[in-house]
Amino acid sequence: MPDGLWLHFSPSAADPYVDILCIEACSSLQNLLDKRSRFAPTTSSLLALCPVDWLLAPGQANDPTPRWRLIRMLKAEPVQPLVLPVRDVRVVFGLKSRHYEGFARSQVAQAHEFFCPMEALTAERGHEDPDMRALISRASATANFMRLP
């Protein structure tokens, strides 16, 4: 289980999939290497399982709208778990500052990997930081396209 997990669902029931953005907080370099190995590209397929209880729960603490209503491909209240193929996985690794500095100077990230100092992940209102917003924008599944049709 990653420290954070965001799911982006296909808008269409005709093409069902989910894209995943994981957040991993790494307390040591060994911990980083262990976590990187879990997300290494593979030829096997992944499936995401969304239990009915999770789908029926509110999507946000301040809004009672159930999650399933926010997933555009679902047209009716689910009575069984939603199982979807994972189309894409991206991972943001948060590292202690001293680890981040050394790692960023000497390593090459794989295409699905993104790195930041841990403080950027835990900062209050960190989601408003221009550097963090730019990093998450680059982690988008559509970031590799000049423009979308």
C-alpha atoms as a PDB file:
ATOM      1  CA  MET A   1       0.000   0.000   0.000  1.00  0.00           C
ATOM      2  CA  PRO A   2       1.491   3.344  -0.992  1.00  0.00           C
ATOM      3  CA  ASP A   3       1.430   6.281   1.427  1.00  0.00           C
ATOM      4  CA  GLY A   4      -0.933   8.116  -0.927  1.00  0.00           C
ATOM      5  CA  LEU A   5      -2.996   6.892  -3.850  1.00  0.00           C
ATOM      6  CA  TRP A   6      -5.030   8.832  -6.390  1.00  0.00           C
ATOM      7  CA  LEU A   7      -7.141   7.176  -9.048  1.00  0.00           C
ATOM      8  CA  HIS A   8      -8.109   8.777 -12.345  1.00  0.00           C
ATOM      9  CA  PHE A   9     -10.978   6.867 -13.905  1.00  0.00           C
ATOM     10  CA  SER A  10     -11.783   6.653 -17.596  1.00  0.00           C
ATOM     11  CA  PRO A  11     -14.698   8.925 -18.467  1.00  0.00           C
ATOM     12  CA  SER A  12     -16.233   6.233 -20.688  1.00  0.00           C
ATOM     13  CA  ALA A  13     -17.722   2.821 -19.879  1.00  0.00           C
ATOM     14  CA  ALA A  14     -16.813   1.839 -23.469  1.00  0.00           C
ATOM     15  CA  ASP A  15     -13.100   2.155 -22.593  1.00  0.00           C
ATOM     16  CA  PRO A  16     -12.808   1.295 -18.882  1.00  0.00           C
ATOM     17  CA  TYR A  17      -9.459   1.849 -17.150  1.00  0.00           C
ATOM     18  CA  VAL A  18      -7.886   3.643 -14.229  1.00  0.00           C
ATOM     19  CA  ASP A  19      -4.630   5.610 -14.064  1.00  0.00           C
ATOM     20  CA  ILE A  20      -2.830   5.642 -10.726  1.00  0.00           C
ATOM     21  CA  LEU A  21      -0.652   8.246  -9.025  1.00  0.00           C
ATOM     22  CA  CYS A  22       1.113   6.898  -5.942  1.00  0.00           C
ATOM     23  CA  ILE A  23       2.904   8.903  -3.285  1.00  0.00           C
ATOM     24  CA  GLU A  24       5.705   7.158  -1.409  1.00  0.00           C
ATOM     25  CA  ALA A  25       7.470   8.739   1.573  1.00  0.00           C
ATOM     26  CA  CYS A  26      10.974   7.301   1.901  1.00  0.00           C
ATOM     27  CA  SER A  27      12.748   7.501   5.245  1.00  0.00           C
ATOM     28  CA  SER A  28      16.084   6.154   4.017  1.00  0.00           C
ATOM     29  CA  LEU A  29      17.894   5.402   0.776  1.00  0.00           C
ATOM     30  CA  GLN A  30      17.367   1.662   1.358  1.00  0.00           C
ATOM     31  CA  ASN A  31      13.642   2.347   1.790  1.00  0.00           C
ATOM     32  CA  LEU A  32      13.666   4.286  -1.501  1.00  0.00           C
ATOM     33  CA  LEU A  33      15.379   1.429  -3.338  1.00  0.00           C
ATOM     34  CA  ASP A  34      12.878  -1.084  -1.924  1.00  0.00           C
ATOM     35  CA  LYS A  35       9.932   1.061  -2.980  1.00  0.00           C
ATOM     36  CA  ARG A  36      11.387   1.776  -6.441  1.00  0.00           C
ATOM     37  CA  SER A  37      11.673  -1.957  -7.066  1.00  0.00           C
ATOM     38  CA  ARG A  38       7.955  -2.420  -6.304  1.00  0.00           C
ATOM     39  CA  PHE A  39       7.027   0.039  -9.033  1.00  0.00           C
ATOM     40  CA  ALA A  40       9.554  -1.078 -11.646  1.00  0.00           C
ATOM     41  CA  PRO A  41       7.993  -1.594 -15.077  1.00  0.00           C
ATOM     42  CA  THR A  42       6.756  -5.114 -15.671  1.00  0.00           C
ATOM     43  CA  THR A  43       5.052  -7.052 -18.413  1.00  0.00           C
ATOM     44  CA  SER A  44       2.297  -8.254 -16.108  1.00  0.00           C
ATOM     45  CA  SER A  45      -1.078  -6.575 -15.861  1.00  0.00           C
ATOM     46  CA  LEU A  46      -2.489  -4.783 -12.845  1.00  0.00           C
ATOM     47  CA  LEU A  47      -6.098  -4.526 -11.775  1.00  0.00           C
ATOM     48  CA  ALA A  48      -7.554  -1.941  -9.397  1.00  0.00           C
ATOM     49  CA  LEU A  49     -10.256  -3.181  -7.032  1.00  0.00           C
ATOM     50  CA  CYS A  50     -12.664  -0.580  -5.662  1.00  0.00           C
ATOM     51  CA  PRO A  51     -14.899  -2.131  -2.964  1.00  0.00           C
ATOM     52  CA  VAL A  52     -18.596  -1.225  -2.878  1.00  0.00           C
ATOM     53  CA  ASP A  53     -18.243   0.413   0.563  1.00  0.00           C
ATOM     54  CA  TRP A  54     -15.515   2.701  -0.814  1.00  0.00           C
ATOM     55  CA  LEU A  55     -17.590   3.568  -3.890  1.00  0.00           C
ATOM     56  CA  LEU A  56     -20.622   4.442  -1.739  1.00  0.00           C
ATOM     57  CA  ALA A  57     -18.617   6.575   0.727  1.00  0.00           C
ATOM     58  CA  PRO A  58     -18.374  10.365   0.296  1.00  0.00           C
ATOM     59  CA  GLY A  59     -15.616  11.494  -2.065  1.00  0.00           C
ATOM     60  CA  GLN A  60     -14.701  14.436   0.212  1.00  0.00           C
ATOM     61  CA  ALA A  61     -15.181  15.091   3.909  1.00  0.00           C
ATOM     62  CA  ASN A  62     -17.176  18.287   3.306  1.00  0.00           C
ATOM     63  CA  ASP A  63     -19.382  16.889   0.511  1.00  0.00           C
ATOM     64  CA  PRO A  64     -21.778  13.938   0.933  1.00  0.00           C
ATOM     65  CA  THR A  65     -21.665  13.029  -2.786  1.00  0.00           C
ATOM     66  CA  PRO A  66     -20.707   9.331  -3.010  1.00  0.00           C
ATOM     67  CA  ARG A  67     -17.550   8.498  -4.951  1.00  0.00           C
ATOM     68  CA  TRP A  68     -19.387   6.435  -7.548  1.00  0.00           C
ATOM     69  CA  ARG A  69     -21.252   9.558  -8.707  1.00  0.00           C
ATOM     70  CA  LEU A  70     -17.899  11.257  -9.343  1.00  0.00           C
ATOM     71  CA  ILE A  71     -16.768   8.414 -11.610  1.00  0.00           C
ATOM     72  CA  ARG A  72     -18.306   9.339 -14.955  1.00  0.00           C
ATOM     73  CA  MET A  73     -18.219   5.820 -16.376  1.00  0.00           C
ATOM     74  CA  LEU A  74     -20.645   4.594 -13.680  1.00  0.00           C
ATOM     75  CA  LYS A  75     -24.279   5.289 -14.486  1.00  0.00           C
ATOM     76  CA  ALA A  76     -25.925   3.435 -11.572  1.00  0.00           C
ATOM     77  CA  GLU A  77     -25.170   2.817  -7.911  1.00  0.00           C
ATOM     78  CA  PRO A  78     -22.779  -0.153  -7.720  1.00  0.00           C
ATOM     79  CA  VAL A  79     -23.826  -3.405  -6.074  1.00  0.00           C
ATOM     80  CA  GLN A  80     -20.518  -5.185  -6.654  1.00  0.00           C
ATOM     81  CA  PRO A  81     -16.870  -4.089  -6.533  1.00  0.00           C
ATOM     82  CA  LEU A  82     -15.500  -2.176  -9.492  1.00  0.00           C
ATOM     83  CA  VAL A  83     -12.507  -3.973 -11.021  1.00  0.00           C
ATOM     84  CA  LEU A  84     -10.599  -2.088 -13.714  1.00  0.00           C
ATOM     85  CA  PRO A  85      -7.366  -2.577 -15.627  1.00  0.00           C
ATOM     86  CA  VAL A  86      -4.627  -0.143 -14.648  1.00  0.00           C
ATOM     87  CA  ARG A  87      -3.573   1.751 -17.752  1.00  0.00           C
ATOM     88  CA  ASP A  88      -0.754   3.799 -16.234  1.00  0.00           C
ATOM     89  CA  VAL A  89       1.139   4.112 -12.938  1.00  0.00           C
ATOM     90  CA  ARG A  90       3.152   7.178 -11.884  1.00  0.00           C
ATOM     91  CA  VAL A  91       4.974   7.466  -8.549  1.00  0.00           C
ATOM     92  CA  VAL A  92       6.094  10.515  -6.575  1.00  0.00           C
ATOM     93  CA  PHE A  93       8.840   9.648  -4.088  1.00  0.00           C
ATOM     94  CA  GLY A  94       9.346  12.004  -1.156  1.00  0.00           C
ATOM     95  CA  LEU A  95      12.896  11.920   0.211  1.00  0.00           C
ATOM     96  CA  LYS A  96      14.591  13.506   3.200  1.00  0.00           C
ATOM     97  CA  SER A  97      16.369  16.657   2.019  1.00  0.00           C
ATOM     98  CA  ARG A  98      19.881  15.218   2.344  1.00  0.00           C
ATOM     99  CA  HIS A  99      18.847  12.101   0.412  1.00  0.00           C
ATOM    100  CA  TYR A 100      17.014  14.139  -2.222  1.00  0.00           C
ATOM    101  CA  GLU A 101      20.004  16.405  -2.912  1.00  0.00           C
ATOM    102  CA  GLY A 102      22.414  13.495  -3.406  1.00  0.00           C
ATOM    103  CA  PHE A 103      19.938  11.390  -5.343  1.00  0.00           C
ATOM    104  CA  ALA A 104      18.983  14.220  -7.710  1.00  0.00           C
ATOM    105  CA  ARG A 105      22.662  14.903  -8.479  1.00  0.00           C
ATOM    106  CA  SER A 106      23.596  11.318  -9.265  1.00  0.00           C
ATOM    107  CA  GLN A 107      20.586   9.323 -10.464  1.00  0.00           C
ATOM    108  CA  VAL A 108      18.341   9.094 -13.503  1.00  0.00           C
ATOM    109  CA  ALA A 109      14.607   8.784 -12.942  1.00  0.00           C
ATOM    110  CA  GLN A 110      12.588   6.281 -14.919  1.00  0.00           C
ATOM    111  CA  ALA A 111       9.734   7.698 -16.991  1.00  0.00           C
ATOM    112  CA  HIS A 112       7.105   6.911 -14.337  1.00  0.00           C
ATOM    113  CA  GLU A 113       9.149   8.260 -11.383  1.00  0.00           C
ATOM    114  CA  PHE A 114       9.078  11.729  -9.849  1.00  0.00           C
ATOM    115  CA  PHE A 115      11.064  12.926  -6.826  1.00  0.00           C
ATOM    116  CA  CYS A 116      10.721  15.733  -4.312  1.00  0.00           C
ATOM    117  CA  PRO A 117      11.922  16.624  -0.829  1.00  0.00           C
ATOM    118  CA  MET A 118       9.685  15.212   1.910  1.00  0.00           C
ATOM    119  CA  GLU A 119       9.053  18.730   3.203  1.00  0.00           C
ATOM    120  CA  ALA A 120       7.305  19.553  -0.078  1.00  0.00           C
ATOM    121  CA  LEU A 121       4.862  16.669   0.499  1.00  0.00           C
ATOM    122  CA  THR A 122       4.122  17.590   4.099  1.00  0.00           C
ATOM    123  CA  ALA A 123       4.088  21.388   3.807  1.00  0.00           C
ATOM    124  CA  GLU A 124       0.889  23.118   4.802  1.00  0.00           C
ATOM    125  CA  ARG A 125      -0.733  24.380   1.606  1.00  0.00           C
ATOM    126  CA  GLY A 126       2.002  22.533  -0.294  1.00  0.00           C
ATOM    127  CA  HIS A 127      -0.496  21.908  -3.092  1.00  0.00           C
ATOM    128  CA  GLU A 128      -0.244  25.640  -3.857  1.00  0.00           C
ATOM    129  CA  ASP A 129       3.570  25.604  -4.240  1.00  0.00           C
ATOM    130  CA  PRO A 130       4.401  26.377  -7.912  1.00  0.00           C
ATOM    131  CA  ASP A 131       7.211  23.797  -7.968  1.00  0.00           C
ATOM    132  CA  MET A 132       4.930  21.068  -6.554  1.00  0.00           C
ATOM    133  CA  ARG A 133       2.163  21.992  -8.999  1.00  0.00           C
ATOM    134  CA  ALA A 134       4.660  21.765 -11.873  1.00  0.00           C
ATOM    135  CA  LEU A 135       5.909  18.370 -10.662  1.00  0.00           C
ATOM    136  CA  ILE A 136       2.388  16.947 -10.399  1.00  0.00           C
ATOM    137  CA  SER A 137       1.559  18.410 -13.804  1.00  0.00           C
ATOM    138  CA  ARG A 138       4.519  16.531 -15.290  1.00  0.00           C
ATOM    139  CA  ALA A 139       3.281  13.354 -13.569  1.00  0.00           C
ATOM    140  CA  SER A 140      -0.021  13.589 -15.447  1.00  0.00           C
ATOM    141  CA  ALA A 141      -0.859  10.756 -17.838  1.00  0.00           C
ATOM    142  CA  THR A 142      -1.429  13.385 -20.554  1.00  0.00           C
ATOM    143  CA  ALA A 143       1.794  15.351 -19.922  1.00  0.00           C
ATOM    144  CA  ASN A 144       3.642  13.774 -22.860  1.00  0.00           C
ATOM    145  CA  PHE A 145       1.277  15.225 -25.460  1.00  0.00           C
ATOM    146  CA  MET A 146       1.567  18.682 -27.000  1.00  0.00           C
ATOM    147  CA  ARG A 147      -2.220  19.029 -26.952  1.00  0.00           C
ATOM    148  CA  LEU A 148      -5.103  16.632 -26.680  1.00  0.00           C
ATOM    149  CA  PRO A 149      -7.618  16.106 -29.484  1.00  0.00           C
END
